[in-house]
Amino acid sequence: MTIKANYVDILNRNIFAASIIIENNKIQSIQPINETCDTYILPGFIDAHIHIESSMLLPSEFARIAVQHGSVATISDPHEIANVCGIEGVQYMIDNGKKVPFHFHFGAPSCVPATAFETAGATIDSTAIELLLQNKDIYYLSEMMNYPGVLFKDTEVMRKIELAKQYNKPIDGHAPGLMGSDAITYINAGITTDHECFTQEEAAHKLQHGMKILIREGSAAKNFNALQPLIKEHYTNMMFCCDDKHPDELLLHHINHHVRMAVALGNDVFAILQMACINPVQHYKMKVGLLQLGDAADCILVNNLQEFKVLKTIIAGQVVFEDGKVHMPVVEEKIINQFNCSKKSSAEFGVPYQQQTQIKVIEALEGQLITKTFLATPKVVNGNIVSDVENDVLQIAVVNRYNDAPTASGFIKNFGLQKGAIASTVAHDCHNIIVIGTNAEEMAAAANALIDAKGGICVVSDNETNTLPLPIGGIMSNLSGIAIGKQYQTIDAKAKALGCKLNTPFMTMSFMALLVIPQLKMSDKGLFDGDKFEFVDL
């Protein structure tokens, strides 16, 4: 295969018209030519931290969408499926990813479960971590969310970190808001990256002390605007990631979106492309070519260096996308899952009034995973605290999906539902059933629809139930990316038709059970304060 295009040599910061010969899946020749070329060839884009499961797609189907946006590889944390199905789930992702020409680089999930304050489907201890790290298909120890465990030198946490060092594999971080001496202690433990910074000050502090910072722009958490001013000075130690990307948005863009935005703001194009194409390969020792002589042919052709419209994607010398067509197999995969709870009655969503004059309410924030605490006067009906629709204080509940247990309830602000209920089993990190609604009857109906489906997303209103089933682990579908993207758009619109104010109601809701991100969150065992790292009363 011979390609004539403007060759973008990121490593040497040079662009020239060239004839590139690809043979035996490698770059065999790069020769300057005295011709005018309309297209540009450069290394493929890399997502430096993503949970494939959040796309609700199998890795093989994720790849079919991602290559259309010029992505050739990911650093993938299979943390979500691991919380449901354990090591079997991790191997499931690895095996499926191998069935398509795409460079998935999976990590060993370090925190399954993330805390002892919630119910997961599996536990991955340090013994299991060592087995994973011995696997040649595992490239790193994934995000160490239990930062209190690092600070207080928890035996299991430190054992996992030491094992990663022993096997010479990088350790990813996850420490939102951590600053000062605590951040330095966390970094000095050997943790090399963080994708959770939400202020420029925090990211600069961590960069100063040797950490590499990932600029995240996902479906719910959007930190690009806050962090991009650091690019000019620190691009050699920064990367781009999505973290979580819902299927409707994945159909629109991937890392190419980060690149376009960054270049449009006047950032140096070589700096941006180094972050998107080079830094992840070097940090994680990825098996991805950098468009240098002798490298594996992992590259893309784009129309220009402003729009980055992808014309062709090549992975390991194989054209996987060209002229709007994907050249990858559709993979049929077996279904794995774990769902063991009985249907719920509306009475199980009752919240007894105990003479409170005020209640703690989770305040959800647009575009953020962090929350705040809001104090509200409870609305009481027949001895129960109920949703106060007029003041946008709605009931939120988490139902244990792994065994029968009491339902845990609290209250949340900024979802804006005027009627009905929404529910999901995409509920980080343990993926129990999370429900937000205006009344107990429809909350129970939404939860029961997901119990029937053994996982998915649901909207209930006016005796109508709409469900998007996610049979694989309760978090992924076995359908095509286009089909799931369209179904997700439909059910997202139905949630917004109930009055929801948020851009991504289901993605935002999914993080309301993520206890390791402050401040107030909801576990299947009760209301949780992420700052104090303990349960709190309503």
Protein backbone atom coordinates (compact mmCIF):
# COMPACT_ATOMS: atom_id res chain seq x y z
CA MET A 1 0.00 0.00 0.00
CA THR A 2 1.37 3.41 -0.99
CA ILE A 3 -0.09 6.63 0.41
CA LYS A 4 0.79 10.12 -0.78
CA ALA A 5 -0.10 12.78 1.77
CA ASN A 6 1.31 15.51 3.95
CA TYR A 7 3.30 13.53 6.50
CA VAL A 8 2.85 14.84 10.06
CA ASP A 9 5.98 13.87 11.95
CA ILE A 10 4.93 14.72 15.51
CA LEU A 11 8.12 13.52 17.17
CA ASN A 12 10.30 15.79 15.00
CA ARG A 13 7.68 18.57 14.70
CA ASN A 14 7.73 18.59 10.92
CA ILE A 15 5.22 18.36 8.05
CA PHE A 16 6.12 17.59 4.42
CA ALA A 17 4.59 15.94 1.36
CA ALA A 18 5.64 12.31 1.30
CA SER A 19 5.08 8.90 -0.21
CA ILE A 20 4.57 6.35 2.57
CA ILE A 21 4.86 2.65 1.74
CA ILE A 22 3.13 0.13 4.02
CA GLU A 23 4.20 -3.51 3.65
CA ASN A 24 3.83 -6.47 6.02
CA ASN A 25 1.76 -4.25 8.33
CA LYS A 26 4.67 -1.86 8.91
CA ILE A 27 5.90 1.52 7.69
CA GLN A 28 8.57 0.45 5.20
CA SER A 29 9.38 3.78 3.59
CA ILE A 30 8.80 7.51 4.07
CA GLN A 31 10.07 9.51 1.10
CA PRO A 32 9.66 13.28 0.55
CA ILE A 33 7.99 14.13 -2.76
CA ASN A 34 7.75 17.31 -4.77
CA GLU A 35 3.97 17.23 -5.04
CA THR A 36 1.01 19.08 -3.56
CA CYS A 37 -1.09 16.84 -1.31
CA ASP A 38 -4.61 17.57 -0.10
CA THR A 39 -4.64 15.22 2.88
CA TYR A 40 -2.57 14.67 6.02
CA ILE A 41 -1.32 11.40 7.47
CA LEU A 42 -0.60 11.15 11.19
CA PRO A 43 -0.58 8.54 13.98
CA GLY A 44 -4.03 7.45 15.19
CA PHE A 45 -5.74 8.96 18.21
CA ILE A 46 -5.68 7.25 21.61
CA ASP A 47 -8.12 7.52 24.50
CA ALA A 48 -5.81 7.45 27.53
CA HIS A 49 -8.53 6.35 29.96
CA ILE A 50 -11.93 4.92 29.17
CA HIS A 51 -14.42 2.43 30.52
CA ILE A 52 -15.65 0.75 27.34
CA GLU A 53 -18.68 -0.47 29.29
CA SER A 54 -20.02 3.08 29.61
CA SER A 55 -20.61 3.14 25.87
CA MET A 56 -23.01 0.24 26.57
CA LEU A 57 -21.22 -1.58 23.75
CA LEU A 58 -18.95 -4.59 23.59
CA PRO A 59 -15.31 -3.71 22.87
CA SER A 60 -15.66 -5.11 19.34
CA GLU A 61 -18.64 -2.86 18.64
CA PHE A 62 -17.02 0.13 20.34
CA ALA A 63 -14.09 -0.27 17.95
CA ARG A 64 -16.38 -0.19 14.91
CA ILE A 65 -17.56 3.27 15.97
CA ALA A 66 -14.24 4.62 17.31
CA VAL A 67 -12.26 3.99 14.11
CA GLN A 68 -14.64 6.31 12.26
CA HIS A 69 -13.30 9.09 14.48
CA GLY A 70 -9.65 8.17 13.92
CA SER A 71 -9.12 6.26 17.16
CA VAL A 72 -6.79 3.27 16.89
CA ALA A 73 -6.30 2.38 20.56
CA THR A 74 -7.56 2.81 24.09
CA ILE A 75 -6.27 2.48 27.62
CA SER A 76 -9.33 0.62 28.90
CA ASP A 77 -10.22 0.03 32.54
CA PRO A 78 -12.62 -2.96 32.73
CA HIS A 79 -13.59 -1.87 36.24
CA GLU A 80 -17.33 -1.85 35.52
CA ILE A 81 -17.71 -5.43 34.30
CA ALA A 82 -15.27 -6.52 37.03
CA ASN A 83 -17.62 -5.15 39.69
CA VAL A 84 -20.37 -7.32 38.25
CA CYS A 85 -18.56 -10.48 37.13
CA GLY A 86 -15.05 -10.31 38.61
CA ILE A 87 -11.99 -11.67 36.77
CA GLU A 88 -14.28 -13.55 34.39
CA GLY A 89 -15.62 -10.17 33.27
CA VAL A 90 -12.11 -8.80 32.68
CA GLN A 91 -11.16 -11.79 30.53
CA TYR A 92 -14.47 -11.46 28.68
CA MET A 93 -13.51 -7.93 27.61
CA ILE A 94 -9.99 -8.98 26.59
CA ASP A 95 -11.24 -11.93 24.53
CA ASN A 96 -13.92 -9.90 22.76
CA GLY A 97 -11.50 -7.07 21.97
CA LYS A 98 -9.12 -9.50 20.27
CA LYS A 99 -11.77 -10.37 17.68
CA VAL A 100 -11.36 -7.06 15.84
CA PRO A 101 -8.34 -5.10 14.52
CA PHE A 102 -8.11 -2.47 17.27
CA HIS A 103 -5.55 -1.92 20.01
CA PHE A 104 -7.31 -2.40 23.35
CA HIS A 105 -4.94 -2.14 26.30
CA PHE A 106 -6.76 -3.33 29.41
CA GLY A 107 -5.77 -2.75 33.02
CA ALA A 108 -6.16 -4.72 36.25
CA PRO A 109 -9.05 -3.11 38.17
CA SER A 110 -7.51 -2.00 41.46
CA CYS A 111 -10.67 -1.27 43.45
CA VAL A 112 -13.35 -3.95 43.13
CA PRO A 113 -15.38 -2.97 45.00
CA ALA A 114 -14.25 0.65 45.27
CA THR A 115 -15.26 0.78 48.94
CA ALA A 116 -16.58 -1.50 51.66
CA PHE A 117 -19.68 0.71 51.91
CA GLU A 118 -21.58 -0.81 48.97
CA THR A 119 -22.50 -4.19 47.52
CA ALA A 120 -20.72 -5.41 44.40
CA GLY A 121 -20.97 -8.66 42.46
CA ALA A 122 -17.32 -9.56 43.00
CA THR A 123 -14.15 -8.80 44.92
CA ILE A 124 -10.71 -8.59 43.31
CA ASP A 125 -8.12 -8.84 46.08
CA SER A 126 -4.35 -8.54 45.84
CA THR A 127 -3.97 -12.24 45.02
CA ALA A 128 -6.31 -11.82 42.05
CA ILE A 129 -4.48 -8.60 41.08
CA GLU A 130 -1.21 -10.52 40.87
CA LEU A 131 -2.81 -13.10 38.57
CA LEU A 132 -4.05 -10.28 36.33
CA LEU A 133 -0.71 -8.45 36.30
CA GLN A 134 0.99 -11.66 35.17
CA ASN A 135 -1.25 -11.63 32.09
CA LYS A 136 0.51 -10.20 29.01
CA ASP A 137 -2.81 -8.63 27.99
CA ILE A 138 -2.88 -6.47 31.15
CA TYR A 139 -0.83 -3.30 30.75
CA TYR A 140 -1.30 -1.36 33.99
CA LEU A 141 -2.95 -1.20 37.42
CA SER A 142 -6.10 0.80 36.80
CA GLU A 143 -7.30 3.81 38.75
CA MET A 144 -6.57 3.61 42.46
CA MET A 145 -9.80 5.17 43.69
CA ASN A 146 -9.26 4.25 47.30
CA TYR A 147 -7.02 7.24 47.97
CA PRO A 148 -7.78 7.14 51.73
CA GLY A 149 -6.37 3.60 51.64
CA VAL A 150 -3.18 4.96 50.08
CA LEU A 151 -2.90 7.82 52.57
CA PHE A 152 -3.42 5.51 55.56
CA LYS A 153 -1.30 2.72 54.04
CA ASP A 154 -4.03 0.07 54.00
CA THR A 155 -2.31 -3.32 53.70
CA GLU A 156 -4.33 -4.57 50.70
CA VAL A 157 -4.08 -1.28 48.84
CA MET A 158 -0.32 -1.03 49.29
CA ARG A 159 0.11 -4.68 48.30
CA LYS A 160 -1.64 -4.01 44.96
CA ILE A 161 0.57 -0.99 44.32
CA GLU A 162 3.74 -2.92 45.14
CA LEU A 163 2.68 -5.73 42.80
CA ALA A 164 2.29 -3.27 39.93
CA LYS A 165 5.79 -1.98 40.61
CA GLN A 166 7.11 -5.54 40.77
CA TYR A 167 5.66 -6.30 37.33
CA ASN A 168 6.84 -2.92 35.98
CA LYS A 169 3.37 -1.73 35.05
CA PRO A 170 2.14 1.86 35.48
CA ILE A 171 -0.35 2.75 38.21
CA ASP A 172 -3.30 4.99 37.36
CA GLY A 173 -4.73 7.43 39.86
CA HIS A 174 -8.14 8.74 40.83
CA ALA A 175 -8.08 11.42 43.51
CA PRO A 176 -10.54 14.24 42.79
CA GLY A 177 -9.76 17.41 44.71
CA LEU A 178 -6.78 15.94 46.54
CA MET A 179 -4.22 18.68 47.23
CA GLY A 180 -1.26 19.57 49.40
CA SER A 181 0.60 16.99 51.45
CA ASP A 182 -2.08 14.36 50.89
CA ALA A 183 -1.67 14.64 47.12
CA ILE A 184 2.11 14.42 47.47
CA THR A 185 1.80 11.29 49.64
CA TYR A 186 -0.52 9.76 47.06
CA ILE A 187 1.85 10.54 44.18
CA ASN A 188 4.92 9.34 46.07
CA ALA A 189 3.25 5.95 46.54
CA GLY A 190 3.97 5.42 42.84
CA ILE A 191 0.73 6.61 41.28
CA THR A 192 1.50 8.20 37.94
CA THR A 193 -1.69 9.74 36.47
CA ASP A 194 -4.95 11.42 37.38
CA HIS A 195 -7.98 12.02 35.15
CA GLU A 196 -10.20 13.45 37.91
CA CYS A 197 -8.82 17.00 38.24
CA PHE A 198 -11.63 19.55 37.94
CA THR A 199 -9.68 22.77 38.59
CA GLN A 200 -6.56 24.20 37.00
CA GLU A 201 -5.03 24.69 40.43
CA GLU A 202 -5.41 21.03 41.33
CA ALA A 203 -3.98 19.79 38.02
CA ALA A 204 -1.02 22.21 38.20
CA HIS A 205 -0.24 21.06 41.74
CA LYS A 206 -0.20 17.40 40.71
CA LEU A 207 1.89 18.15 37.60
CA GLN A 208 4.37 20.02 39.77
CA HIS A 209 4.86 16.91 41.89
CA GLY A 210 5.45 14.52 39.01
CA MET A 211 2.01 13.28 38.03
CA LYS A 212 0.71 13.12 34.46
CA ILE A 213 -2.68 14.74 33.98
CA LEU A 214 -5.41 13.56 31.63
CA ILE A 215 -7.85 16.15 30.29
CA ARG A 216 -11.25 14.50 30.46
CA GLU A 217 -14.18 15.42 28.27
CA GLY A 218 -16.78 12.68 28.60
CA SER A 219 -20.55 12.50 28.42
CA ALA A 220 -21.07 13.67 32.01
CA ALA A 221 -17.73 14.94 33.33
CA LYS A 222 -16.34 17.77 31.24
CA ASN A 223 -13.06 19.26 32.46
CA PHE A 224 -11.56 20.43 29.16
CA ASN A 225 -12.30 24.13 29.62
CA ALA A 226 -10.91 24.16 33.15
CA LEU A 227 -7.65 22.34 32.31
CA GLN A 228 -6.75 23.27 28.74
CA PRO A 229 -4.84 26.47 29.76
CA LEU A 230 -2.15 24.12 31.16
CA ILE A 231 -1.42 22.59 27.75
CA LYS A 232 1.08 25.19 26.54
CA GLU A 233 3.48 24.63 29.43
CA HIS A 234 2.78 21.01 30.35
CA TYR A 235 1.75 19.16 27.15
CA THR A 236 4.63 16.68 27.46
CA ASN A 237 2.99 15.37 30.65
CA MET A 238 -0.66 15.51 29.59
CA MET A 239 -3.05 13.28 27.64
CA PHE A 240 -6.68 13.26 26.52
CA CYS A 241 -9.42 10.91 27.70
CA CYS A 242 -13.17 10.45 27.74
CA ASP A 243 -13.43 8.22 30.82
CA ASP A 244 -17.13 7.56 30.15
CA LYS A 245 -18.80 7.99 26.78
CA HIS A 246 -22.47 7.19 26.19
CA PRO A 247 -23.40 5.60 22.85
CA ASP A 248 -25.26 8.54 21.34
CA GLU A 249 -22.27 10.83 21.85
CA LEU A 250 -19.78 8.20 20.66
CA LEU A 251 -21.61 8.18 17.34
CA LEU A 252 -20.71 11.88 17.03
CA HIS A 253 -17.07 12.01 18.12
CA HIS A 254 -14.29 10.60 20.27
CA ILE A 255 -10.74 11.95 20.93
CA ASN A 256 -10.93 13.83 17.62
CA HIS A 257 -13.31 16.18 19.45
CA HIS A 258 -10.67 17.03 22.08
CA VAL A 259 -8.11 17.64 19.34
CA ARG A 260 -10.39 19.92 17.30
CA MET A 261 -11.33 21.99 20.35
CA ALA A 262 -7.73 22.36 21.52
CA VAL A 263 -6.41 23.42 18.10
CA ALA A 264 -9.31 25.85 17.62
CA LEU A 265 -8.23 27.62 20.82
CA GLY A 266 -4.85 28.39 19.25
CA ASN A 267 -2.80 25.66 20.89
CA ASP A 268 0.24 24.39 18.99
CA VAL A 269 -0.91 21.53 16.76
CA PHE A 270 2.20 19.45 17.46
CA ALA A 271 1.61 19.76 21.22
CA ILE A 272 -2.00 18.65 20.84
CA LEU A 273 -1.12 15.72 18.61
CA GLN A 274 1.61 14.65 21.01
CA MET A 275 -1.02 14.47 23.76
CA ALA A 276 -3.50 12.61 21.55
CA CYS A 277 -1.16 10.23 19.71
CA ILE A 278 2.25 9.94 21.37
CA ASN A 279 2.18 10.41 25.16
CA PRO A 280 -0.14 7.45 25.94
CA VAL A 281 2.00 5.09 23.84
CA GLN A 282 5.16 6.09 25.64
CA HIS A 283 3.67 6.15 29.14
CA TYR A 284 1.86 2.81 28.95
CA LYS A 285 4.34 1.08 26.60
CA MET A 286 1.48 0.49 24.19
CA LYS A 287 1.81 -1.73 21.15
CA VAL A 288 0.90 1.09 18.79
CA GLY A 289 2.95 2.57 15.96
CA LEU A 290 3.94 6.25 15.90
CA LEU A 291 4.25 6.56 12.10
CA GLN A 292 8.01 6.22 12.17
CA LEU A 293 10.07 4.03 9.86
CA GLY A 294 9.69 0.37 10.91
CA ASP A 295 6.69 1.05 13.15
CA ALA A 296 3.44 -0.87 12.96
CA ALA A 297 1.15 0.97 10.52
CA ASP A 298 -1.37 2.54 12.92
CA CYS A 299 -2.34 5.81 11.30
CA ILE A 300 -5.09 8.01 9.93
CA LEU A 301 -5.68 10.30 6.98
CA VAL A 302 -7.51 13.56 7.66
CA ASN A 303 -8.64 16.44 5.47
CA ASN A 304 -6.72 19.14 7.33
CA LEU A 305 -5.25 20.02 10.72
CA GLN A 306 -8.20 22.13 11.83
CA GLU A 307 -11.29 19.97 11.24
CA PHE A 308 -9.52 16.59 11.46
CA LYS A 309 -12.23 14.94 9.36
CA VAL A 310 -11.16 11.30 9.21
CA LEU A 311 -10.94 9.92 5.68
CA LYS A 312 -9.17 6.65 6.40
CA THR A 313 -8.09 4.67 9.46
CA ILE A 314 -5.37 2.03 9.25
CA ILE A 315 -4.59 -0.37 12.11
CA ALA A 316 -1.69 -2.82 11.89
CA GLY A 317 -1.51 -2.16 8.16
CA GLN A 318 -5.19 -2.96 7.61
CA VAL A 319 -7.66 -0.37 6.33
CA VAL A 320 -10.46 -0.51 8.90
CA PHE A 321 -12.35 2.62 7.83
CA GLU A 322 -12.49 4.38 4.47
CA ASP A 323 -15.02 6.37 2.46
CA GLY A 324 -17.56 6.20 5.26
CA LYS A 325 -17.40 2.39 5.49
CA VAL A 326 -16.11 0.28 8.39
CA HIS A 327 -14.11 -2.81 7.45
CA MET A 328 -14.40 -4.81 10.66
CA PRO A 329 -16.36 -7.94 11.53
CA VAL A 330 -19.55 -7.82 13.55
CA VAL A 331 -18.91 -10.11 16.50
CA GLU A 332 -21.62 -12.25 18.08
CA GLU A 333 -20.81 -12.76 21.74
CA LYS A 334 -22.18 -14.84 24.60
CA ILE A 335 -24.00 -13.08 27.44
CA ILE A 336 -22.65 -13.00 30.99
CA ASN A 337 -24.50 -11.40 33.89
CA GLN A 338 -25.27 -11.55 37.60
CA PHE A 339 -28.74 -10.52 38.78
CA ASN A 340 -30.27 -12.10 41.87
CA CYS A 341 -32.89 -9.84 43.43
CA SER A 342 -36.69 -10.12 43.67
CA LYS A 343 -39.18 -7.51 42.52
CA LYS A 344 -39.89 -4.58 44.84
CA SER A 345 -43.13 -3.14 46.20
CA SER A 346 -43.81 0.58 46.42
CA ALA A 347 -43.77 0.22 50.22
CA GLU A 348 -40.07 -0.64 50.02
CA PHE A 349 -39.44 2.88 48.74
CA GLY A 350 -41.04 4.50 51.78
CA VAL A 351 -38.93 6.95 53.80
CA PRO A 352 -40.38 7.23 57.33
CA TYR A 353 -40.58 10.76 58.73
CA GLN A 354 -38.68 11.03 62.02
CA GLN A 355 -39.46 14.63 63.00
CA GLN A 356 -36.62 16.08 60.91
CA THR A 357 -36.85 19.83 60.40
CA GLN A 358 -34.35 19.60 57.54
CA ILE A 359 -32.94 16.78 55.42
CA LYS A 360 -29.61 16.42 53.59
CA VAL A 361 -30.12 16.47 49.83
CA ILE A 362 -27.60 15.48 47.14
CA GLU A 363 -27.06 18.49 44.88
CA ALA A 364 -26.15 17.20 41.41
CA LEU A 365 -24.01 19.52 39.27
CA GLU A 366 -24.15 19.80 35.49
CA GLY A 367 -21.02 18.45 33.82
CA GLN A 368 -19.46 17.26 37.09
CA LEU A 369 -19.17 14.03 39.03
CA ILE A 370 -18.77 15.85 42.32
CA THR A 371 -21.88 16.87 44.26
CA LYS A 372 -22.75 19.24 47.07
CA THR A 373 -25.02 18.98 50.12
CA PHE A 374 -28.24 20.98 50.08
CA LEU A 375 -30.48 21.31 53.13
CA ALA A 376 -34.25 21.17 52.49
CA THR A 377 -37.45 21.14 54.48
CA PRO A 378 -38.98 17.68 54.08
CA LYS A 379 -42.35 17.19 52.41
CA VAL A 380 -44.34 14.67 54.47
CA VAL A 381 -47.36 12.65 53.32
CA ASN A 382 -48.95 9.89 55.44
CA GLY A 383 -45.92 9.64 57.71
CA ASN A 384 -43.36 9.37 54.88
CA ILE A 385 -40.97 11.91 53.42
CA VAL A 386 -41.79 12.10 49.70
CA SER A 387 -40.54 13.86 46.58
CA ASP A 388 -41.15 17.61 46.61
CA VAL A 389 -41.62 18.19 42.88
CA GLU A 390 -42.38 21.89 43.26
CA ASN A 391 -38.99 22.52 44.91
CA ASP A 392 -37.11 19.93 42.80
CA VAL A 393 -36.22 17.71 45.75
CA LEU A 394 -36.77 14.19 44.43
CA GLN A 395 -36.38 10.79 46.00
CA ILE A 396 -33.35 8.74 44.94
CA ALA A 397 -33.02 5.07 45.80
CA VAL A 398 -30.45 2.33 45.26
CA VAL A 399 -31.62 -1.29 45.10
CA ASN A 400 -29.15 -4.14 45.69
CA ARG A 401 -29.25 -6.27 42.50
CA TYR A 402 -27.03 -9.08 43.80
CA ASN A 403 -29.29 -10.30 46.62
CA ASP A 404 -32.49 -9.29 48.38
CA ALA A 405 -31.86 -6.47 50.85
CA PRO A 406 -33.68 -3.35 52.08
CA THR A 407 -33.86 -0.50 49.59
CA ALA A 408 -31.80 2.58 50.52
CA SER A 409 -33.35 5.99 49.88
CA GLY A 410 -32.33 9.63 50.01
CA PHE A 411 -33.14 12.83 48.13
CA ILE A 412 -31.57 14.70 45.23
CA LYS A 413 -31.79 18.13 43.63
CA ASN A 414 -31.40 19.45 40.05
CA PHE A 415 -32.94 16.55 38.13
CA GLY A 416 -36.17 18.51 37.69
CA LEU A 417 -38.58 15.64 36.99
CA GLN A 418 -42.18 16.83 37.05
CA LYS A 419 -43.61 13.32 36.93
CA GLY A 420 -42.61 9.66 36.59
CA ALA A 421 -39.33 7.94 37.36
CA ILE A 422 -36.06 7.02 35.67
CA ALA A 423 -33.85 4.06 36.57
CA SER A 424 -30.62 2.42 35.47
CA THR A 425 -28.28 -0.45 36.27
CA VAL A 426 -25.43 1.60 34.85
CA ALA A 427 -24.64 2.91 38.32
CA HIS A 428 -20.96 3.30 39.11
CA ASP A 429 -19.25 1.42 40.41
CA CYS A 430 -21.19 -1.58 41.67
CA HIS A 431 -24.02 -1.24 39.13
CA ASN A 432 -26.90 -1.80 41.46
CA ILE A 433 -30.29 -0.36 40.43
CA ILE A 434 -30.46 3.42 40.86
CA VAL A 435 -33.84 5.14 40.65
CA ILE A 436 -34.96 8.78 40.80
CA GLY A 437 -38.65 9.58 40.79
CA THR A 438 -41.58 11.68 41.83
CA ASN A 439 -43.47 8.89 43.62
CA ALA A 440 -42.83 5.47 45.15
CA GLU A 441 -45.22 3.60 42.84
CA GLU A 442 -43.45 4.59 39.63
CA MET A 443 -40.02 4.20 41.22
CA ALA A 444 -40.93 0.60 42.07
CA ALA A 445 -42.27 0.06 38.54
CA ALA A 446 -39.02 1.34 37.01
CA ALA A 447 -36.87 -0.84 39.27
CA ASN A 448 -39.01 -3.89 38.52
CA ALA A 449 -38.75 -3.33 34.77
CA LEU A 450 -34.97 -3.54 35.11
CA ILE A 451 -35.20 -6.62 37.31
CA ASP A 452 -37.30 -8.27 34.58
CA ALA A 453 -34.76 -7.26 31.92
CA LYS A 454 -31.80 -8.17 34.16
CA GLY A 455 -30.32 -4.76 33.51
CA GLY A 456 -30.79 -1.66 31.43
CA ILE A 457 -32.18 1.87 31.43
CA CYS A 458 -35.81 2.70 32.04
CA VAL A 459 -38.33 5.56 32.02
CA VAL A 460 -41.77 5.18 33.62
CA SER A 461 -44.58 7.72 33.35
CA ASP A 462 -48.38 7.67 33.02
CA ASN A 463 -48.51 3.85 33.12
CA GLU A 464 -46.04 3.65 30.22
CA THR A 465 -42.72 1.85 30.65
CA ASN A 466 -39.83 2.27 28.20
CA THR A 467 -36.78 0.08 28.67
CA LEU A 468 -33.42 -0.18 26.91
CA PRO A 469 -32.20 -3.67 27.89
CA LEU A 470 -28.50 -4.17 28.70
CA PRO A 471 -28.23 -7.94 29.13
CA ILE A 472 -24.42 -8.19 29.34
CA GLY A 473 -23.63 -7.56 32.99
CA GLY A 474 -26.60 -5.22 33.14
CA ILE A 475 -24.32 -2.57 31.60
CA MET A 476 -23.76 -3.52 27.94
CA SER A 477 -25.79 -4.53 24.92
CA ASN A 478 -25.11 -7.16 22.28
CA LEU A 479 -26.63 -4.93 19.57
CA SER A 480 -24.84 -2.63 17.14
CA GLY A 481 -23.51 0.78 18.12
CA ILE A 482 -25.91 2.50 15.75
CA ALA A 483 -28.91 0.61 17.14
CA ILE A 484 -27.98 1.31 20.77
CA GLY A 485 -27.12 4.92 19.99
CA LYS A 486 -30.57 5.49 18.50
CA GLN A 487 -32.36 3.64 21.33
CA TYR A 488 -30.41 5.65 23.86
CA GLN A 489 -31.33 8.93 22.14
CA THR A 490 -35.00 7.92 22.32
CA ILE A 491 -35.00 7.02 26.01
CA ASP A 492 -32.86 10.07 26.86
CA ALA A 493 -35.50 12.25 25.17
CA LYS A 494 -38.25 10.56 27.20
CA ALA A 495 -36.39 11.34 30.44
CA LYS A 496 -36.05 14.96 29.41
CA ALA A 497 -39.74 15.07 28.47
CA LEU A 498 -40.50 14.39 32.16
CA GLY A 499 -38.84 17.72 32.93
CA CYS A 500 -35.23 16.68 33.56
CA LYS A 501 -32.97 19.72 33.30
CA LEU A 502 -29.65 17.93 32.79
CA ASN A 503 -27.87 17.43 29.46
CA THR A 504 -27.13 13.77 30.27
CA PRO A 505 -29.65 12.62 32.90
CA PHE A 506 -28.73 8.91 32.84
CA MET A 507 -24.97 9.48 32.84
CA THR A 508 -25.26 12.00 35.69
CA MET A 509 -27.53 9.64 37.63
CA SER A 510 -25.06 6.78 37.15
CA PHE A 511 -22.45 8.67 39.19
CA MET A 512 -24.74 9.45 42.11
CA ALA A 513 -23.76 6.07 43.59
CA LEU A 514 -20.00 6.61 43.09
CA LEU A 515 -18.90 6.97 46.69
CA VAL A 516 -15.24 7.75 46.01
CA ILE A 517 -16.13 11.11 44.44
CA PRO A 518 -17.26 13.71 46.97
CA GLN A 519 -19.42 14.94 48.39
CA LEU A 520 -22.82 13.41 49.12
CA LYS A 521 -23.71 10.13 47.34
CA MET A 522 -26.15 7.22 47.62
CA SER A 523 -25.11 3.61 48.33
CA ASP A 524 -27.34 0.55 48.42
CA LYS A 525 -26.58 0.68 52.15
CA GLY A 526 -27.44 4.34 52.76
CA LEU A 527 -26.52 7.99 52.34
CA PHE A 528 -22.74 8.49 52.18
CA ASP A 529 -20.48 11.49 52.80
CA GLY A 530 -17.45 11.18 50.51
CA ASP A 531 -15.49 13.85 52.39
CA LYS A 532 -15.85 12.12 55.75
CA PHE A 533 -15.86 8.70 54.06
CA GLU A 534 -18.72 7.47 56.23
CA PHE A 535 -22.49 7.02 56.20
CA VAL A 536 -24.59 9.95 57.38
CA ASP A 537 -28.18 10.29 58.53
CA LEU A 538 -30.77 11.84 56.25
